[in-house]
Amino acid sequence: MATKIVKCPSCNTENTGLENFCRNCGSNLADPFQNQNPQNQQMQQQYNQGTGQIPGADKKIVAGICGILLGGFGVHKFILGYQNEGIYMIVGQVVAWILAFISCGFLFFLPLIVSVIGLVEGIIYLTKSDEDFVNTYINNKKPWF
């Protein structure tokens, strides 16, 4: 019985039909549509070069924890490189506290709104897979939620 030969859609290396990933570049042979995105190819190659981690995934844990604990101050935005959004959160938090103070506590919920945004974003960061996190927040630069 002859062994089936499968060509890798990324590098055209011939692989046996028993392999799920290309033995040359590491691309997924089972799902050829996944390999058409150049960012996915670059991430897969960097992953296979021995680092064992997708570049940018190291920020996921730090940004997630800072989002949960310090979310109202936008620290997680600065960690991901979103300076403008981080400044918006700091200004929003300061303005919310000033309004709550001026109103003698009547508007006490305003600072909570900004903090809840950071909390939700931190939870979202931590629940995403490394690949989704890097694609969404590092490669595609999605600044909010």
C-alpha atoms as a PDB file:
ATOM      1  CA  MET A   1       0.000   0.000   0.000  1.00  0.00           C
ATOM      2  CA  ALA A   2       1.446   3.358  -1.039  1.00  0.00           C
ATOM      3  CA  THR A   3       1.869   6.169   1.446  1.00  0.00           C
ATOM      4  CA  LYS A   4      -0.072   9.321   0.652  1.00  0.00           C
ATOM      5  CA  ILE A   5       2.119  12.387   0.027  1.00  0.00           C
ATOM      6  CA  VAL A   6       0.792  15.764   1.165  1.00  0.00           C
ATOM      7  CA  LYS A   7       2.431  19.016   0.061  1.00  0.00           C
ATOM      8  CA  CYS A   8       2.621  21.791   2.601  1.00  0.00           C
ATOM      9  CA  PRO A   9       0.672  24.854   1.372  1.00  0.00           C
ATOM     10  CA  SER A  10       3.239  27.168   2.971  1.00  0.00           C
ATOM     11  CA  CYS A  11       6.614  25.771   1.898  1.00  0.00           C
ATOM     12  CA  ASN A  12       5.715  22.976  -0.599  1.00  0.00           C
ATOM     13  CA  THR A  13       7.600  20.344   1.406  1.00  0.00           C
ATOM     14  CA  GLU A  14       6.363  16.805   0.803  1.00  0.00           C
ATOM     15  CA  ASN A  15       5.028  15.159   3.957  1.00  0.00           C
ATOM     16  CA  THR A  16       3.448  11.785   4.598  1.00  0.00           C
ATOM     17  CA  GLY A  17      -0.317  11.766   4.967  1.00  0.00           C
ATOM     18  CA  LEU A  18       0.100  10.621   8.571  1.00  0.00           C
ATOM     19  CA  GLU A  19       1.534  13.947   9.789  1.00  0.00           C
ATOM     20  CA  ASN A  20      -0.622  16.813  10.996  1.00  0.00           C
ATOM     21  CA  PHE A  21       2.117  19.434  10.773  1.00  0.00           C
ATOM     22  CA  CYS A  22       4.758  20.112   8.137  1.00  0.00           C
ATOM     23  CA  ARG A  23       8.131  18.661   9.141  1.00  0.00           C
ATOM     24  CA  ASN A  24       9.893  21.672   7.598  1.00  0.00           C
ATOM     25  CA  CYS A  25       7.944  24.779   8.658  1.00  0.00           C
ATOM     26  CA  GLY A  26       5.431  23.421  11.202  1.00  0.00           C
ATOM     27  CA  SER A  27       2.330  24.583   9.331  1.00  0.00           C
ATOM     28  CA  ASN A  28      -0.946  22.801   9.962  1.00  0.00           C
ATOM     29  CA  LEU A  29      -1.528  20.283   7.170  1.00  0.00           C
ATOM     30  CA  ALA A  30      -5.008  19.367   8.369  1.00  0.00           C
ATOM     31  CA  ASP A  31      -6.368  22.913   7.853  1.00  0.00           C
ATOM     32  CA  PRO A  32      -4.758  24.528   4.793  1.00  0.00           C
ATOM     33  CA  PHE A  33      -6.864  27.695   5.159  1.00  0.00           C
ATOM     34  CA  GLN A  34      -5.190  28.481   8.491  1.00  0.00           C
ATOM     35  CA  ASN A  35      -1.812  28.824   6.761  1.00  0.00           C
ATOM     36  CA  GLN A  36      -2.864  31.523   4.307  1.00  0.00           C
ATOM     37  CA  ASN A  37      -2.425  34.349   6.826  1.00  0.00           C
ATOM     38  CA  PRO A  38       1.226  35.546   6.732  1.00  0.00           C
ATOM     39  CA  GLN A  39       1.074  36.546  10.415  1.00  0.00           C
ATOM     40  CA  ASN A  40       0.096  32.985  11.357  1.00  0.00           C
ATOM     41  CA  GLN A  41       3.016  31.624   9.320  1.00  0.00           C
ATOM     42  CA  GLN A  42       5.484  33.978  10.974  1.00  0.00           C
ATOM     43  CA  MET A  43       4.161  33.157  14.470  1.00  0.00           C
ATOM     44  CA  GLN A  44       4.328  29.425  13.743  1.00  0.00           C
ATOM     45  CA  GLN A  45       7.929  29.693  12.505  1.00  0.00           C
ATOM     46  CA  GLN A  46       9.007  31.691  15.556  1.00  0.00           C
ATOM     47  CA  TYR A  47       7.223  29.200  17.793  1.00  0.00           C
ATOM     48  CA  ASN A  48       9.019  26.303  16.142  1.00  0.00           C
ATOM     49  CA  GLN A  49      12.459  27.906  16.460  1.00  0.00           C
ATOM     50  CA  GLY A  50      12.694  26.610  19.988  1.00  0.00           C
ATOM     51  CA  THR A  51      11.191  29.412  22.054  1.00  0.00           C
ATOM     52  CA  GLY A  52       8.154  27.308  22.943  1.00  0.00           C
ATOM     53  CA  GLN A  53       6.039  30.447  23.243  1.00  0.00           C
ATOM     54  CA  ILE A  54       4.338  32.684  20.736  1.00  0.00           C
ATOM     55  CA  PRO A  55       5.987  36.138  20.595  1.00  0.00           C
ATOM     56  CA  GLY A  56       3.815  38.637  22.476  1.00  0.00           C
ATOM     57  CA  ALA A  57       2.059  36.011  24.605  1.00  0.00           C
ATOM     58  CA  ASP A  58       4.286  36.934  27.546  1.00  0.00           C
ATOM     59  CA  LYS A  59       2.283  40.156  27.959  1.00  0.00           C
ATOM     60  CA  LYS A  60      -1.007  38.288  28.423  1.00  0.00           C
ATOM     61  CA  ILE A  61      -0.595  37.366  32.101  1.00  0.00           C
ATOM     62  CA  VAL A  62       0.895  40.708  33.153  1.00  0.00           C
ATOM     63  CA  ALA A  63      -1.737  42.746  31.276  1.00  0.00           C
ATOM     64  CA  GLY A  64      -4.554  40.542  32.579  1.00  0.00           C
ATOM     65  CA  ILE A  65      -3.522  40.814  36.223  1.00  0.00           C
ATOM     66  CA  CYS A  66      -2.906  44.568  35.949  1.00  0.00           C
ATOM     67  CA  GLY A  67      -6.293  44.937  34.246  1.00  0.00           C
ATOM     68  CA  ILE A  68      -7.977  43.205  37.171  1.00  0.00           C
ATOM     69  CA  LEU A  69      -6.064  44.929  39.972  1.00  0.00           C
ATOM     70  CA  LEU A  70      -5.252  48.356  38.482  1.00  0.00           C
ATOM     71  CA  GLY A  71      -7.769  48.497  35.644  1.00  0.00           C
ATOM     72  CA  GLY A  72      -9.131  51.912  36.497  1.00  0.00           C
ATOM     73  CA  PHE A  73      -5.722  53.464  35.929  1.00  0.00           C
ATOM     74  CA  GLY A  74      -5.161  51.862  32.517  1.00  0.00           C
ATOM     75  CA  VAL A  75      -1.882  50.163  33.413  1.00  0.00           C
ATOM     76  CA  HIS A  76      -2.804  47.176  31.236  1.00  0.00           C
ATOM     77  CA  LYS A  77      -3.169  49.506  28.242  1.00  0.00           C
ATOM     78  CA  PHE A  78       0.370  50.785  28.685  1.00  0.00           C
ATOM     79  CA  ILE A  79       1.696  47.221  28.942  1.00  0.00           C
ATOM     80  CA  LEU A  80       0.143  46.391  25.564  1.00  0.00           C
ATOM     81  CA  GLY A  81       1.470  49.586  23.998  1.00  0.00           C
ATOM     82  CA  TYR A  82      -1.806  51.509  23.838  1.00  0.00           C
ATOM     83  CA  GLN A  83      -0.591  54.818  25.303  1.00  0.00           C
ATOM     84  CA  ASN A  84      -3.547  56.939  24.184  1.00  0.00           C
ATOM     85  CA  GLU A  85      -6.108  54.524  25.601  1.00  0.00           C
ATOM     86  CA  GLY A  86      -4.134  54.305  28.861  1.00  0.00           C
ATOM     87  CA  ILE A  87      -4.166  58.098  29.147  1.00  0.00           C
ATOM     88  CA  TYR A  88      -7.932  58.120  28.455  1.00  0.00           C
ATOM     89  CA  MET A  89      -8.477  55.711  31.339  1.00  0.00           C
ATOM     90  CA  ILE A  90      -6.304  57.696  33.757  1.00  0.00           C
ATOM     91  CA  VAL A  91      -8.050  60.959  32.848  1.00  0.00           C
ATOM     92  CA  GLY A  92     -11.449  59.253  33.071  1.00  0.00           C
ATOM     93  CA  GLN A  93     -10.625  57.891  36.518  1.00  0.00           C
ATOM     94  CA  VAL A  94      -9.376  61.262  37.809  1.00  0.00           C
ATOM     95  CA  VAL A  95     -12.410  63.119  36.426  1.00  0.00           C
ATOM     96  CA  ALA A  96     -14.734  60.484  37.904  1.00  0.00           C
ATOM     97  CA  TRP A  97     -13.155  60.884  41.362  1.00  0.00           C
ATOM     98  CA  ILE A  98     -13.345  64.688  41.150  1.00  0.00           C
ATOM     99  CA  LEU A  99     -17.024  64.552  40.191  1.00  0.00           C
ATOM    100  CA  ALA A 100     -17.746  62.067  42.984  1.00  0.00           C
ATOM    101  CA  PHE A 101     -15.960  64.320  45.485  1.00  0.00           C
ATOM    102  CA  ILE A 102     -17.670  67.526  44.291  1.00  0.00           C
ATOM    103  CA  SER A 103     -21.095  65.864  44.459  1.00  0.00           C
ATOM    104  CA  CYS A 104     -20.424  64.805  48.075  1.00  0.00           C
ATOM    105  CA  GLY A 105     -20.550  61.163  47.088  1.00  0.00           C
ATOM    106  CA  PHE A 106     -23.748  61.333  45.072  1.00  0.00           C
ATOM    107  CA  LEU A 107     -21.831  60.251  41.953  1.00  0.00           C
ATOM    108  CA  PHE A 108     -19.850  57.556  43.792  1.00  0.00           C
ATOM    109  CA  PHE A 109     -20.456  55.046  40.997  1.00  0.00           C
ATOM    110  CA  LEU A 110     -18.468  56.973  38.358  1.00  0.00           C
ATOM    111  CA  PRO A 111     -15.011  55.732  39.429  1.00  0.00           C
ATOM    112  CA  LEU A 112     -16.422  52.211  39.530  1.00  0.00           C
ATOM    113  CA  ILE A 113     -17.355  52.382  35.843  1.00  0.00           C
ATOM    114  CA  VAL A 114     -13.760  52.927  34.731  1.00  0.00           C
ATOM    115  CA  SER A 115     -12.538  50.222  37.119  1.00  0.00           C
ATOM    116  CA  VAL A 116     -15.091  47.714  35.828  1.00  0.00           C
ATOM    117  CA  ILE A 117     -13.864  48.324  32.267  1.00  0.00           C
ATOM    118  CA  GLY A 118     -10.343  47.400  33.357  1.00  0.00           C
ATOM    119  CA  LEU A 119     -11.614  44.385  35.301  1.00  0.00           C
ATOM    120  CA  VAL A 120     -13.558  43.051  32.310  1.00  0.00           C
ATOM    121  CA  GLU A 121     -10.617  43.580  29.963  1.00  0.00           C
ATOM    122  CA  GLY A 122      -8.268  41.795  32.372  1.00  0.00           C
ATOM    123  CA  ILE A 123     -10.582  38.796  32.539  1.00  0.00           C
ATOM    124  CA  ILE A 124     -10.905  38.753  28.748  1.00  0.00           C
ATOM    125  CA  TYR A 125      -7.115  38.790  28.351  1.00  0.00           C
ATOM    126  CA  LEU A 126      -6.642  35.885  30.744  1.00  0.00           C
ATOM    127  CA  THR A 127      -9.384  33.725  29.227  1.00  0.00           C
ATOM    128  CA  LYS A 128      -8.124  33.986  25.648  1.00  0.00           C
ATOM    129  CA  SER A 129      -5.690  31.449  24.256  1.00  0.00           C
ATOM    130  CA  ASP A 130      -2.171  32.707  23.561  1.00  0.00           C
ATOM    131  CA  GLU A 131      -2.817  32.646  19.806  1.00  0.00           C
ATOM    132  CA  ASP A 132      -6.079  34.609  20.086  1.00  0.00           C
ATOM    133  CA  PHE A 133      -4.518  37.130  22.466  1.00  0.00           C
ATOM    134  CA  VAL A 134      -1.537  37.788  20.183  1.00  0.00           C
ATOM    135  CA  ASN A 135      -3.697  37.979  17.044  1.00  0.00           C
ATOM    136  CA  THR A 136      -6.233  40.312  18.640  1.00  0.00           C
ATOM    137  CA  TYR A 137      -4.170  42.663  20.814  1.00  0.00           C
ATOM    138  CA  ILE A 138      -0.598  42.489  19.486  1.00  0.00           C
ATOM    139  CA  ASN A 139      -0.955  41.932  15.728  1.00  0.00           C
ATOM    140  CA  ASN A 140      -4.349  43.528  15.000  1.00  0.00           C
ATOM    141  CA  LYS A 141      -4.044  46.271  17.664  1.00  0.00           C
ATOM    142  CA  LYS A 142      -7.581  46.070  19.059  1.00  0.00           C
ATOM    143  CA  PRO A 143      -7.481  48.602  21.925  1.00  0.00           C
ATOM    144  CA  TRP A 144     -10.887  48.065  23.585  1.00  0.00           C
ATOM    145  CA  PHE A 145     -12.529  44.811  24.712  1.00  0.00           C
END
